[in-house]
N, C-alpha and C. Protein backbone atom coordinates (compact mmCIF):
# COMPACT_ATOMS: atom_id res chain seq x y z
N MET A 1 82.09 92.77 86.20
CA MET A 1 83.01 93.68 86.86
C MET A 1 82.67 95.11 86.46
N THR A 2 82.59 96.03 87.41
CA THR A 2 82.32 97.43 87.14
C THR A 2 83.38 98.28 87.81
N GLU A 3 83.37 99.56 87.44
CA GLU A 3 84.31 100.48 88.04
C GLU A 3 84.05 100.65 89.53
N ASN A 4 82.84 100.29 89.99
CA ASN A 4 82.49 100.40 91.41
C ASN A 4 82.67 99.08 92.15
N ASP A 5 83.35 98.15 91.53
CA ASP A 5 83.64 96.86 92.18
C ASP A 5 84.29 97.11 93.54
N PRO A 6 83.79 96.47 94.62
CA PRO A 6 84.35 96.71 95.95
C PRO A 6 85.82 96.34 96.07
N ARG A 7 86.33 95.49 95.18
CA ARG A 7 87.75 95.13 95.24
C ARG A 7 88.66 96.33 95.03
N PHE A 8 88.11 97.41 94.48
CA PHE A 8 88.93 98.57 94.15
C PHE A 8 88.72 99.72 95.13
N GLY A 9 88.24 99.40 96.33
CA GLY A 9 87.99 100.44 97.32
C GLY A 9 88.66 100.18 98.65
N ALA A 10 88.67 101.19 99.51
CA ALA A 10 89.37 101.12 100.79
C ALA A 10 88.77 100.07 101.71
N ALA A 11 87.43 99.93 101.74
CA ALA A 11 86.80 99.01 102.69
C ALA A 11 87.26 97.58 102.44
N PHE A 12 87.35 97.19 101.16
CA PHE A 12 87.79 95.83 100.83
C PHE A 12 89.19 95.57 101.38
N TRP A 13 90.09 96.53 101.15
CA TRP A 13 91.49 96.32 101.54
C TRP A 13 91.68 96.44 103.05
N ASP A 14 90.93 97.32 103.69
CA ASP A 14 91.00 97.37 105.16
C ASP A 14 90.58 96.02 105.75
N GLN A 15 89.51 95.44 105.21
CA GLN A 15 89.06 94.15 105.71
C GLN A 15 90.10 93.07 105.46
N ARG A 16 90.72 93.10 104.30
CA ARG A 16 91.75 92.08 104.01
C ARG A 16 92.90 92.18 104.99
N TYR A 17 93.36 93.39 105.26
CA TYR A 17 94.49 93.54 106.18
C TYR A 17 94.10 93.23 107.62
N ARG A 18 92.87 93.54 108.00
CA ARG A 18 92.43 93.25 109.37
C ARG A 18 92.24 91.77 109.61
N SER A 19 91.93 91.02 108.55
CA SER A 19 91.51 89.63 108.73
C SER A 19 92.66 88.63 108.75
N THR A 20 93.89 89.11 108.60
CA THR A 20 95.02 88.19 108.54
C THR A 20 96.28 88.86 109.04
N GLY A 21 97.34 88.07 109.17
CA GLY A 21 98.63 88.62 109.51
C GLY A 21 99.24 89.28 108.28
N ARG A 22 100.55 89.26 108.20
CA ARG A 22 101.22 89.91 107.08
C ARG A 22 100.66 89.37 105.76
N VAL A 23 100.27 90.28 104.89
CA VAL A 23 99.69 89.90 103.60
C VAL A 23 100.79 89.65 102.57
N TRP A 24 101.83 90.49 102.57
CA TRP A 24 102.89 90.41 101.57
C TRP A 24 104.18 89.92 102.21
N SER A 25 105.19 89.70 101.40
CA SER A 25 106.41 89.05 101.87
C SER A 25 107.26 89.92 102.78
N GLY A 26 107.10 91.22 102.69
CA GLY A 26 107.98 92.12 103.43
C GLY A 26 109.26 92.45 102.69
N GLU A 27 109.46 91.84 101.52
CA GLU A 27 110.63 92.10 100.70
C GLU A 27 110.27 93.08 99.57
N PRO A 28 111.20 93.94 99.17
CA PRO A 28 110.89 94.85 98.07
C PRO A 28 110.72 94.10 96.76
N ASN A 29 109.93 94.68 95.89
CA ASN A 29 109.67 94.12 94.56
C ASN A 29 110.98 94.07 93.77
N PRO A 30 111.43 92.89 93.33
CA PRO A 30 112.71 92.81 92.61
C PRO A 30 112.78 93.67 91.36
N ALA A 31 111.68 93.79 90.64
CA ALA A 31 111.70 94.62 89.43
C ALA A 31 111.90 96.08 89.79
N LEU A 32 111.25 96.53 90.86
CA LEU A 32 111.43 97.91 91.31
C LEU A 32 112.88 98.14 91.72
N VAL A 33 113.45 97.20 92.46
CA VAL A 33 114.85 97.32 92.89
C VAL A 33 115.77 97.45 91.68
N GLU A 34 115.56 96.61 90.67
CA GLU A 34 116.41 96.64 89.49
C GLU A 34 116.29 97.96 88.74
N GLU A 35 115.07 98.47 88.64
CA GLU A 35 114.86 99.69 87.86
C GLU A 35 115.34 100.94 88.60
N VAL A 36 115.20 100.96 89.91
CA VAL A 36 115.47 102.18 90.66
C VAL A 36 116.92 102.26 91.14
N SER A 37 117.56 101.13 91.32
CA SER A 37 118.93 101.14 91.89
C SER A 37 119.89 102.07 91.15
N PRO A 38 119.83 102.19 89.81
CA PRO A 38 120.78 103.09 89.15
C PRO A 38 120.46 104.58 89.32
N LEU A 39 119.29 104.93 89.85
CA LEU A 39 118.87 106.33 89.90
C LEU A 39 119.47 107.05 91.09
N VAL A 40 119.65 108.35 90.94
CA VAL A 40 120.12 109.18 92.05
C VAL A 40 118.92 109.47 92.96
N PRO A 41 119.01 109.17 94.26
CA PRO A 41 117.86 109.38 95.14
C PRO A 41 117.42 110.84 95.21
N GLY A 42 116.12 111.01 95.34
CA GLY A 42 115.52 112.32 95.52
C GLY A 42 114.21 112.12 96.27
N THR A 43 113.16 112.72 95.76
CA THR A 43 111.84 112.52 96.35
C THR A 43 111.10 111.44 95.57
N ALA A 44 110.33 110.63 96.28
CA ALA A 44 109.62 109.51 95.65
C ALA A 44 108.19 109.43 96.16
N LEU A 45 107.30 109.09 95.26
CA LEU A 45 105.91 108.76 95.58
C LEU A 45 105.71 107.30 95.26
N GLU A 46 105.35 106.50 96.27
CA GLU A 46 105.15 105.07 96.07
C GLU A 46 103.68 104.78 96.30
N VAL A 47 102.98 104.40 95.24
CA VAL A 47 101.53 104.32 95.23
C VAL A 47 101.08 102.87 95.36
N GLY A 48 100.08 102.63 96.21
CA GLY A 48 99.67 101.27 96.51
C GLY A 48 100.72 100.60 97.38
N CYS A 49 101.20 101.32 98.38
CA CYS A 49 102.37 100.88 99.14
C CYS A 49 102.09 99.72 100.08
N GLY A 50 100.82 99.44 100.38
CA GLY A 50 100.50 98.30 101.24
C GLY A 50 101.22 98.36 102.57
N GLU A 51 101.88 97.28 102.93
CA GLU A 51 102.57 97.19 104.22
C GLU A 51 103.94 97.85 104.22
N GLY A 52 104.31 98.48 103.10
CA GLY A 52 105.44 99.39 103.10
C GLY A 52 106.78 98.87 102.64
N ALA A 53 106.88 97.63 102.16
CA ALA A 53 108.20 97.07 101.85
C ALA A 53 108.95 97.89 100.80
N ASP A 54 108.27 98.27 99.71
CA ASP A 54 108.95 99.02 98.66
C ASP A 54 109.34 100.41 99.14
N ALA A 55 108.42 101.08 99.83
CA ALA A 55 108.70 102.43 100.31
C ALA A 55 109.84 102.43 101.32
N ILE A 56 109.87 101.44 102.20
CA ILE A 56 110.94 101.35 103.19
C ILE A 56 112.28 101.07 102.51
N TRP A 57 112.26 100.22 101.49
CA TRP A 57 113.50 99.97 100.74
C TRP A 57 113.98 101.26 100.09
N LEU A 58 113.08 102.00 99.47
CA LEU A 58 113.47 103.26 98.85
C LEU A 58 114.08 104.21 99.88
N ALA A 59 113.46 104.32 101.05
CA ALA A 59 114.00 105.19 102.09
C ALA A 59 115.40 104.75 102.49
N GLY A 60 115.60 103.44 102.55
CA GLY A 60 116.92 102.93 102.89
C GLY A 60 117.97 103.23 101.85
N GLN A 61 117.54 103.51 100.62
CA GLN A 61 118.47 103.87 99.55
C GLN A 61 118.72 105.37 99.48
N GLY A 62 118.07 106.11 100.36
CA GLY A 62 118.30 107.55 100.42
C GLY A 62 117.18 108.40 99.87
N TRP A 63 116.08 107.78 99.42
CA TRP A 63 114.95 108.54 98.92
C TRP A 63 114.13 109.11 100.08
N GLN A 64 113.52 110.26 99.85
CA GLN A 64 112.51 110.81 100.74
C GLN A 64 111.16 110.37 100.19
N VAL A 65 110.46 109.49 100.89
CA VAL A 65 109.37 108.73 100.30
C VAL A 65 108.01 109.09 100.92
N THR A 66 107.04 109.27 100.05
CA THR A 66 105.64 109.33 100.46
C THR A 66 104.97 108.06 99.97
N GLY A 67 104.48 107.26 100.92
CA GLY A 67 103.76 106.03 100.59
C GLY A 67 102.27 106.26 100.70
N VAL A 68 101.54 105.87 99.66
CA VAL A 68 100.10 106.10 99.59
C VAL A 68 99.37 104.78 99.41
N ASP A 69 98.25 104.62 100.11
CA ASP A 69 97.45 103.42 99.95
C ASP A 69 96.00 103.73 100.26
N PHE A 70 95.10 102.89 99.70
CA PHE A 70 93.68 102.95 100.05
C PHE A 70 93.48 102.75 101.55
N SER A 71 94.22 101.79 102.10
CA SER A 71 93.91 101.21 103.40
C SER A 71 94.68 101.87 104.53
N ALA A 72 93.95 102.48 105.46
CA ALA A 72 94.59 103.04 106.65
C ALA A 72 95.21 101.94 107.50
N HIS A 73 94.60 100.75 107.49
CA HIS A 73 95.15 99.64 108.27
C HIS A 73 96.51 99.22 107.70
N ALA A 74 96.62 99.17 106.38
CA ALA A 74 97.90 98.84 105.76
C ALA A 74 98.95 99.88 106.12
N LEU A 75 98.57 101.14 106.12
CA LEU A 75 99.52 102.20 106.42
C LEU A 75 99.99 102.14 107.87
N ASP A 76 99.11 101.74 108.78
CA ASP A 76 99.53 101.53 110.17
C ASP A 76 100.60 100.45 110.23
N ARG A 77 100.41 99.38 109.45
CA ARG A 77 101.42 98.32 109.42
C ARG A 77 102.73 98.85 108.83
N ALA A 78 102.62 99.62 107.76
CA ALA A 78 103.82 100.16 107.13
C ALA A 78 104.61 101.02 108.10
N ALA A 79 103.91 101.88 108.83
CA ALA A 79 104.61 102.71 109.82
C ALA A 79 105.25 101.86 110.90
N GLY A 80 104.56 100.79 111.30
CA GLY A 80 105.11 99.90 112.32
C GLY A 80 106.31 99.11 111.85
N HIS A 81 106.39 98.86 110.54
CA HIS A 81 107.52 98.10 109.98
C HIS A 81 108.73 98.98 109.70
N THR A 82 108.56 100.30 109.77
CA THR A 82 109.64 101.21 109.38
C THR A 82 110.70 101.28 110.47
N PRO A 83 111.95 100.97 110.18
CA PRO A 83 113.00 101.13 111.17
C PRO A 83 113.09 102.58 111.66
N ALA A 84 113.43 102.74 112.92
CA ALA A 84 113.46 104.08 113.52
C ALA A 84 114.35 105.02 112.73
N GLU A 85 115.47 104.51 112.22
CA GLU A 85 116.40 105.38 111.52
C GLU A 85 115.88 105.86 110.17
N LEU A 86 114.79 105.24 109.67
CA LEU A 86 114.21 105.66 108.40
C LEU A 86 112.90 106.42 108.56
N ALA A 87 112.44 106.57 109.79
CA ALA A 87 111.14 107.21 110.01
C ALA A 87 111.11 108.63 109.45
N GLY A 88 112.23 109.32 109.51
CA GLY A 88 112.27 110.68 108.99
C GLY A 88 112.28 110.77 107.48
N ARG A 89 112.47 109.61 106.82
CA ARG A 89 112.48 109.58 105.35
C ARG A 89 111.17 109.05 104.78
N THR A 90 110.20 108.72 105.63
CA THR A 90 108.95 108.14 105.15
C THR A 90 107.76 108.95 105.66
N ASN A 91 106.78 109.06 104.81
CA ASN A 91 105.54 109.74 105.13
C ASN A 91 104.41 108.89 104.56
N TRP A 92 103.42 108.55 105.37
CA TRP A 92 102.36 107.64 104.95
C TRP A 92 101.06 108.41 104.82
N GLN A 93 100.38 108.25 103.68
CA GLN A 93 99.15 108.98 103.40
C GLN A 93 98.07 108.04 102.89
N GLN A 94 96.89 108.13 103.49
CA GLN A 94 95.74 107.37 103.02
C GLN A 94 95.02 108.18 101.96
N ALA A 95 94.77 107.58 100.80
CA ALA A 95 94.09 108.30 99.71
C ALA A 95 93.51 107.30 98.74
N ASP A 96 92.46 107.70 98.05
CA ASP A 96 91.89 106.94 96.95
C ASP A 96 92.42 107.55 95.66
N ILE A 97 93.36 106.86 95.03
CA ILE A 97 94.03 107.44 93.86
C ILE A 97 93.08 107.60 92.67
N ARG A 98 91.92 106.98 92.72
CA ARG A 98 90.95 107.16 91.64
C ARG A 98 90.42 108.59 91.61
N ASP A 99 90.59 109.32 92.71
CA ASP A 99 90.10 110.69 92.79
C ASP A 99 91.15 111.72 92.37
N TRP A 100 92.39 111.27 92.16
CA TRP A 100 93.45 112.22 91.81
C TRP A 100 93.22 112.76 90.40
N GLN A 101 93.58 114.01 90.23
CA GLN A 101 93.47 114.66 88.92
C GLN A 101 94.86 115.08 88.44
N PRO A 102 95.15 114.91 87.15
CA PRO A 102 96.43 115.39 86.62
C PRO A 102 96.63 116.86 86.93
N GLY A 103 97.86 117.20 87.31
CA GLY A 103 98.18 118.59 87.61
C GLY A 103 97.99 118.97 89.06
N GLU A 104 97.38 118.11 89.87
CA GLU A 104 97.19 118.39 91.29
C GLU A 104 98.29 117.72 92.11
N GLY A 105 98.75 118.41 93.14
CA GLY A 105 99.71 117.83 94.06
C GLY A 105 101.15 118.11 93.69
N PRO A 106 102.07 117.81 94.60
CA PRO A 106 103.49 118.08 94.36
C PRO A 106 104.09 117.15 93.31
N LEU A 107 105.25 117.54 92.81
CA LEU A 107 105.97 116.72 91.86
C LEU A 107 107.08 115.95 92.57
N TYR A 108 107.44 114.80 91.99
CA TYR A 108 108.43 113.92 92.60
C TYR A 108 109.47 113.51 91.55
N ASP A 109 110.66 113.19 92.04
CA ASP A 109 111.71 112.69 91.15
C ASP A 109 111.43 111.27 90.69
N LEU A 110 110.64 110.55 91.48
CA LEU A 110 110.27 109.17 91.15
C LEU A 110 108.83 108.94 91.56
N VAL A 111 108.05 108.39 90.66
CA VAL A 111 106.71 107.88 91.00
C VAL A 111 106.69 106.40 90.64
N ALA A 112 106.39 105.56 91.62
CA ALA A 112 106.41 104.11 91.43
C ALA A 112 105.07 103.53 91.82
N ALA A 113 104.62 102.56 91.04
CA ALA A 113 103.37 101.86 91.33
C ALA A 113 103.56 100.40 90.93
N SER A 114 103.32 99.49 91.86
CA SER A 114 103.51 98.07 91.59
C SER A 114 102.22 97.30 91.83
N PHE A 115 101.82 96.56 90.80
CA PHE A 115 100.69 95.64 90.88
C PHE A 115 99.38 96.34 91.25
N ILE A 116 99.16 97.47 90.61
CA ILE A 116 97.88 98.16 90.70
C ILE A 116 97.08 97.78 89.46
N HIS A 117 95.94 97.14 89.67
CA HIS A 117 95.16 96.60 88.55
C HIS A 117 93.71 97.04 88.66
N PHE A 118 93.36 97.96 87.79
CA PHE A 118 92.00 98.45 87.63
C PHE A 118 91.51 98.07 86.24
N PRO A 119 90.20 98.10 86.00
CA PRO A 119 89.73 98.04 84.61
C PRO A 119 90.37 99.16 83.80
N ALA A 120 90.57 98.92 82.52
CA ALA A 120 91.29 99.88 81.69
C ALA A 120 90.68 101.27 81.74
N SER A 121 89.36 101.35 81.82
CA SER A 121 88.71 102.66 81.84
C SER A 121 89.05 103.45 83.10
N VAL A 122 89.42 102.75 84.17
CA VAL A 122 89.87 103.40 85.41
C VAL A 122 91.38 103.56 85.40
N ARG A 123 92.06 102.52 84.91
CA ARG A 123 93.53 102.53 84.95
C ARG A 123 94.11 103.72 84.20
N ARG A 124 93.58 104.02 83.02
CA ARG A 124 94.20 105.07 82.20
C ARG A 124 94.19 106.43 82.89
N PRO A 125 93.06 106.92 83.42
CA PRO A 125 93.13 108.22 84.11
C PRO A 125 93.93 108.15 85.41
N VAL A 126 93.91 107.02 86.11
CA VAL A 126 94.70 106.90 87.33
C VAL A 126 96.19 106.99 87.01
N PHE A 127 96.64 106.24 86.01
CA PHE A 127 98.06 106.27 85.67
C PHE A 127 98.46 107.61 85.05
N ALA A 128 97.52 108.27 84.35
CA ALA A 128 97.81 109.61 83.84
C ALA A 128 98.04 110.58 84.99
N ALA A 129 97.25 110.43 86.06
CA ALA A 129 97.44 111.28 87.23
C ALA A 129 98.78 110.99 87.91
N LEU A 130 99.18 109.72 87.94
CA LEU A 130 100.50 109.39 88.50
C LEU A 130 101.60 110.00 87.65
N ALA A 131 101.50 109.87 86.33
CA ALA A 131 102.52 110.42 85.45
C ALA A 131 102.64 111.93 85.61
N ALA A 132 101.51 112.59 85.89
CA ALA A 132 101.53 114.04 86.05
C ALA A 132 102.25 114.47 87.32
N ARG A 133 102.49 113.53 88.24
CA ARG A 133 103.23 113.85 89.47
C ARG A 133 104.74 113.73 89.29
N VAL A 134 105.22 113.32 88.12
CA VAL A 134 106.65 113.17 87.89
C VAL A 134 107.23 114.51 87.45
N ALA A 135 108.28 114.95 88.13
CA ALA A 135 108.95 116.19 87.76
C ALA A 135 109.71 116.01 86.45
N PRO A 136 109.90 117.07 85.68
CA PRO A 136 110.75 116.97 84.48
C PRO A 136 112.13 116.41 84.84
N GLY A 137 112.57 115.42 84.08
CA GLY A 137 113.81 114.72 84.38
C GLY A 137 113.64 113.56 85.34
N GLY A 138 112.44 113.43 85.93
CA GLY A 138 112.16 112.34 86.86
C GLY A 138 111.70 111.09 86.14
N HIS A 139 111.41 110.06 86.93
CA HIS A 139 111.12 108.74 86.38
C HIS A 139 109.78 108.20 86.90
N LEU A 140 109.09 107.50 86.01
CA LEU A 140 107.88 106.75 86.32
C LEU A 140 108.21 105.27 86.18
N VAL A 141 107.94 104.49 87.24
CA VAL A 141 108.18 103.05 87.20
C VAL A 141 106.88 102.35 87.54
N ILE A 142 106.38 101.56 86.60
CA ILE A 142 105.15 100.79 86.82
C ILE A 142 105.47 99.32 86.59
N VAL A 143 105.09 98.50 87.57
CA VAL A 143 105.25 97.04 87.49
C VAL A 143 103.88 96.42 87.70
N GLY A 144 103.55 95.42 86.89
CA GLY A 144 102.25 94.78 87.04
C GLY A 144 102.27 93.36 86.54
N HIS A 145 101.14 92.68 86.71
CA HIS A 145 100.98 91.32 86.20
C HIS A 145 100.72 91.36 84.70
N HIS A 146 101.49 90.59 83.96
CA HIS A 146 101.37 90.55 82.50
C HIS A 146 100.16 89.72 82.09
N PRO A 147 99.49 90.07 80.98
CA PRO A 147 98.33 89.28 80.54
C PRO A 147 98.64 87.80 80.32
N SER A 148 99.89 87.45 80.00
CA SER A 148 100.22 86.04 79.78
C SER A 148 100.07 85.19 81.03
N ASP A 149 100.02 85.82 82.20
CA ASP A 149 99.81 85.06 83.44
C ASP A 149 98.49 84.32 83.43
N LEU A 150 97.54 84.81 82.64
CA LEU A 150 96.24 84.16 82.57
C LEU A 150 96.33 82.78 81.94
N ASP A 151 97.43 82.50 81.25
CA ASP A 151 97.62 81.20 80.60
C ASP A 151 98.46 80.25 81.45
N THR A 152 98.77 80.64 82.68
CA THR A 152 99.55 79.79 83.58
C THR A 152 98.66 79.25 84.69
N ALA A 153 99.25 78.43 85.56
CA ALA A 153 98.52 77.88 86.70
C ALA A 153 98.43 78.86 87.85
N MET A 154 99.10 80.00 87.76
CA MET A 154 99.01 81.00 88.82
C MET A 154 97.60 81.57 88.88
N PRO A 155 96.93 81.52 90.03
CA PRO A 155 95.56 82.04 90.09
C PRO A 155 95.52 83.55 89.87
N ARG A 156 94.82 83.94 88.85
CA ARG A 156 94.59 85.34 88.54
C ARG A 156 93.10 85.50 88.22
N PRO A 157 92.52 86.66 88.48
CA PRO A 157 91.12 86.87 88.10
C PRO A 157 90.97 86.67 86.59
N PRO A 158 89.99 85.90 86.15
CA PRO A 158 89.83 85.65 84.70
C PRO A 158 89.21 86.85 84.00
N GLU A 159 89.87 87.99 84.14
CA GLU A 159 89.36 89.26 83.63
C GLU A 159 90.49 89.95 82.88
N PRO A 160 90.64 89.69 81.59
CA PRO A 160 91.78 90.24 80.84
C PRO A 160 91.90 91.76 80.92
N ASP A 161 90.79 92.45 81.12
CA ASP A 161 90.82 93.91 81.15
C ASP A 161 91.63 94.46 82.33
N LEU A 162 91.89 93.62 83.32
CA LEU A 162 92.66 94.07 84.48
C LEU A 162 94.17 94.08 84.23
N PHE A 163 94.60 93.44 83.16
CA PHE A 163 96.03 93.24 82.93
C PHE A 163 96.51 94.14 81.79
N TYR A 164 97.82 94.37 81.74
CA TYR A 164 98.36 95.29 80.75
C TYR A 164 99.81 94.94 80.43
N THR A 165 100.23 95.35 79.26
CA THR A 165 101.62 95.19 78.84
C THR A 165 102.34 96.53 78.99
N ALA A 166 103.66 96.49 78.89
CA ALA A 166 104.43 97.73 78.92
C ALA A 166 104.09 98.61 77.72
N ASP A 167 103.79 97.98 76.58
CA ASP A 167 103.39 98.75 75.40
C ASP A 167 102.08 99.48 75.65
N ASP A 168 101.15 98.81 76.34
CA ASP A 168 99.88 99.47 76.70
C ASP A 168 100.16 100.73 77.51
N LEU A 169 101.03 100.61 78.50
CA LEU A 169 101.33 101.74 79.38
C LEU A 169 102.04 102.85 78.62
N ALA A 170 103.03 102.48 77.81
CA ALA A 170 103.80 103.48 77.07
C ALA A 170 102.91 104.23 76.08
N ALA A 171 101.94 103.53 75.50
CA ALA A 171 101.06 104.15 74.52
C ALA A 171 100.21 105.27 75.14
N ASP A 172 100.02 105.22 76.46
CA ASP A 172 99.22 106.24 77.13
C ASP A 172 100.04 107.46 77.52
N LEU A 173 101.36 107.44 77.29
CA LEU A 173 102.20 108.59 77.58
C LEU A 173 102.48 109.37 76.30
N PRO A 174 102.45 110.70 76.34
CA PRO A 174 102.75 111.47 75.13
C PRO A 174 104.20 111.28 74.71
N ASP A 175 104.42 110.85 73.47
CA ASP A 175 105.77 110.50 73.01
C ASP A 175 106.77 111.63 73.17
N HIS A 176 106.33 112.85 72.93
CA HIS A 176 107.28 113.96 72.93
C HIS A 176 107.66 114.38 74.35
N ALA A 177 106.96 113.87 75.36
CA ALA A 177 107.24 114.28 76.74
C ALA A 177 107.90 113.20 77.57
N TRP A 178 108.01 111.99 77.01
CA TRP A 178 108.54 110.86 77.78
C TRP A 178 109.49 110.03 76.91
N LYS A 179 110.47 109.42 77.56
CA LYS A 179 111.34 108.46 76.91
C LYS A 179 111.28 107.16 77.68
N ALA A 180 110.83 106.09 77.04
CA ALA A 180 110.78 104.77 77.69
C ALA A 180 112.19 104.20 77.79
N LEU A 181 112.61 103.88 79.00
CA LEU A 181 113.94 103.30 79.23
C LEU A 181 113.87 101.79 79.36
N THR A 182 112.83 101.29 79.99
CA THR A 182 112.57 99.85 80.09
C THR A 182 111.13 99.63 79.68
N ARG A 183 110.92 98.67 78.80
CA ARG A 183 109.58 98.41 78.25
C ARG A 183 109.54 96.92 77.94
N THR A 184 109.19 96.11 78.94
CA THR A 184 109.43 94.68 78.79
C THR A 184 108.44 93.85 79.61
N ALA A 185 108.47 92.56 79.34
CA ALA A 185 107.83 91.54 80.18
C ALA A 185 108.95 90.72 80.78
N ARG A 186 109.12 90.81 82.10
CA ARG A 186 110.26 90.20 82.76
C ARG A 186 109.84 88.89 83.42
N PRO A 187 110.45 87.75 83.02
CA PRO A 187 110.06 86.46 83.61
C PRO A 187 110.48 86.36 85.07
N ARG A 188 109.66 85.62 85.82
CA ARG A 188 109.93 85.46 87.25
C ARG A 188 109.38 84.12 87.70
N ALA A 189 110.17 83.38 88.48
CA ALA A 189 109.69 82.12 89.05
C ALA A 189 108.75 82.43 90.21
N ALA A 190 107.68 81.66 90.30
CA ALA A 190 106.69 81.86 91.36
C ALA A 190 106.11 80.51 91.77
N THR A 191 105.43 80.51 92.89
CA THR A 191 104.83 79.29 93.43
C THR A 191 103.34 79.53 93.64
N THR A 192 102.52 78.64 93.11
CA THR A 192 101.08 78.75 93.30
C THR A 192 100.71 78.35 94.72
N PRO A 193 99.48 78.65 95.16
CA PRO A 193 99.08 78.29 96.53
C PRO A 193 99.19 76.79 96.83
N ASP A 194 99.10 75.94 95.81
CA ASP A 194 99.21 74.50 96.06
C ASP A 194 100.65 73.99 95.93
N GLY A 195 101.60 74.92 95.76
CA GLY A 195 103.00 74.54 95.75
C GLY A 195 103.59 74.30 94.37
N THR A 196 102.83 74.50 93.31
CA THR A 196 103.33 74.29 91.96
C THR A 196 104.26 75.42 91.55
N GLN A 197 105.41 75.06 90.99
CA GLN A 197 106.34 76.06 90.49
C GLN A 197 105.93 76.48 89.08
N VAL A 198 105.83 77.78 88.86
CA VAL A 198 105.43 78.30 87.55
C VAL A 198 106.35 79.46 87.17
N LEU A 199 106.39 79.73 85.88
CA LEU A 199 107.12 80.89 85.38
C LEU A 199 106.08 81.91 84.93
N ILE A 200 106.10 83.06 85.56
CA ILE A 200 105.17 84.12 85.19
C ILE A 200 105.98 85.30 84.67
N GLN A 201 105.28 86.35 84.24
CA GLN A 201 105.97 87.53 83.71
C GLN A 201 105.42 88.79 84.37
N ASP A 202 106.32 89.69 84.68
CA ASP A 202 105.94 91.00 85.19
C ASP A 202 106.06 92.03 84.08
N THR A 203 105.02 92.80 83.88
CA THR A 203 105.09 93.96 83.02
C THR A 203 105.94 95.02 83.72
N VAL A 204 106.91 95.58 83.02
CA VAL A 204 107.78 96.61 83.59
C VAL A 204 107.92 97.76 82.60
N LEU A 205 107.53 98.94 83.06
CA LEU A 205 107.78 100.16 82.29
C LEU A 205 108.51 101.16 83.17
N THR A 206 109.66 101.61 82.71
CA THR A 206 110.35 102.75 83.31
C THR A 206 110.49 103.81 82.24
N ALA A 207 109.99 104.99 82.55
CA ALA A 207 110.04 106.09 81.58
C ALA A 207 110.56 107.35 82.27
N ARG A 208 111.35 108.11 81.54
CA ARG A 208 111.86 109.39 82.05
C ARG A 208 111.09 110.53 81.41
N ARG A 209 110.69 111.45 82.25
CA ARG A 209 109.97 112.62 81.73
C ARG A 209 110.97 113.61 81.15
N THR A 210 110.80 113.93 79.90
CA THR A 210 111.76 114.79 79.22
C THR A 210 111.31 116.24 79.18
N ARG A 211 110.01 116.47 79.39
CA ARG A 211 109.51 117.84 79.40
C ARG A 211 108.15 117.86 80.07
N TRP A 212 107.65 119.07 80.31
CA TRP A 212 106.38 119.27 81.00
C TRP A 212 105.26 119.33 79.97
N ALA A 213 104.22 118.50 80.16
CA ALA A 213 103.11 118.49 79.20
C ALA A 213 101.79 118.29 79.90
N PRO A 214 101.41 119.17 80.84
CA PRO A 214 100.19 118.94 81.62
C PRO A 214 98.93 118.92 80.80
N ARG A 215 98.85 119.77 79.76
CA ARG A 215 97.60 119.82 79.00
C ARG A 215 97.36 118.52 78.25
N ILE A 216 98.42 117.94 77.71
CA ILE A 216 98.27 116.68 76.98
C ILE A 216 97.84 115.58 77.94
N ILE A 217 98.47 115.50 79.11
CA ILE A 217 98.11 114.46 80.08
C ILE A 217 96.67 114.64 80.54
N GLU A 218 96.27 115.89 80.79
CA GLU A 218 94.89 116.13 81.20
C GLU A 218 93.92 115.70 80.11
N LYS A 219 94.25 115.96 78.85
CA LYS A 219 93.38 115.55 77.75
C LYS A 219 93.26 114.04 77.70
N GLU A 220 94.37 113.33 77.87
CA GLU A 220 94.32 111.87 77.82
C GLU A 220 93.53 111.33 79.00
N ALA A 221 93.63 111.97 80.14
CA ALA A 221 92.93 111.49 81.32
C ALA A 221 91.42 111.57 81.14
N ARG A 222 90.98 112.57 80.36
CA ARG A 222 89.53 112.72 80.15
C ARG A 222 89.01 111.86 79.03
N SER A 223 89.88 111.35 78.18
CA SER A 223 89.42 110.61 76.99
C SER A 223 88.98 109.20 77.35
């Protein structure tokens, strides 16, 4: 596996979306719903939005949402799934988040990313760039597959470097600029492709930005 693995690029995901019907359930991520429901709606950046379920749910809760994905085909689906009454609350943008730099772009009250899995050498600068988009007082919510899933019957790539814990994510944030509100592995029932019921865990980190620290984030992104 390398940082240039085609699985981490737009062409791979465009082909996946073109080659089948709906890829995801169309339902919002339960962990995201639980973490965001108590927050006061504002502006939100939803990264890796795919077919739009999470971004559309956020818009329905009153957020003004920008959904970003590698795949233009996925974004076309997301726009098509958006109810007419929420179209004014959603904006869809195609982008390769690996190219984002800390300190670039607008700030948001919420930045959310669910099930984005890169090698650690790519993940750290990407997530640093996402954290840099959170306004002071805003929230970062990251949900992902926990490393313990590799020990279950749920098919996962046998590549431990792709997985992370909430502690891994929190360790990459400067302590003096962030407060971790949720830092856990949340169990969830799931079904394997052959119908086996398994218990897996989702990594969940919710952190509130307590102050502005662009230089520290930029330093971490380069390390």
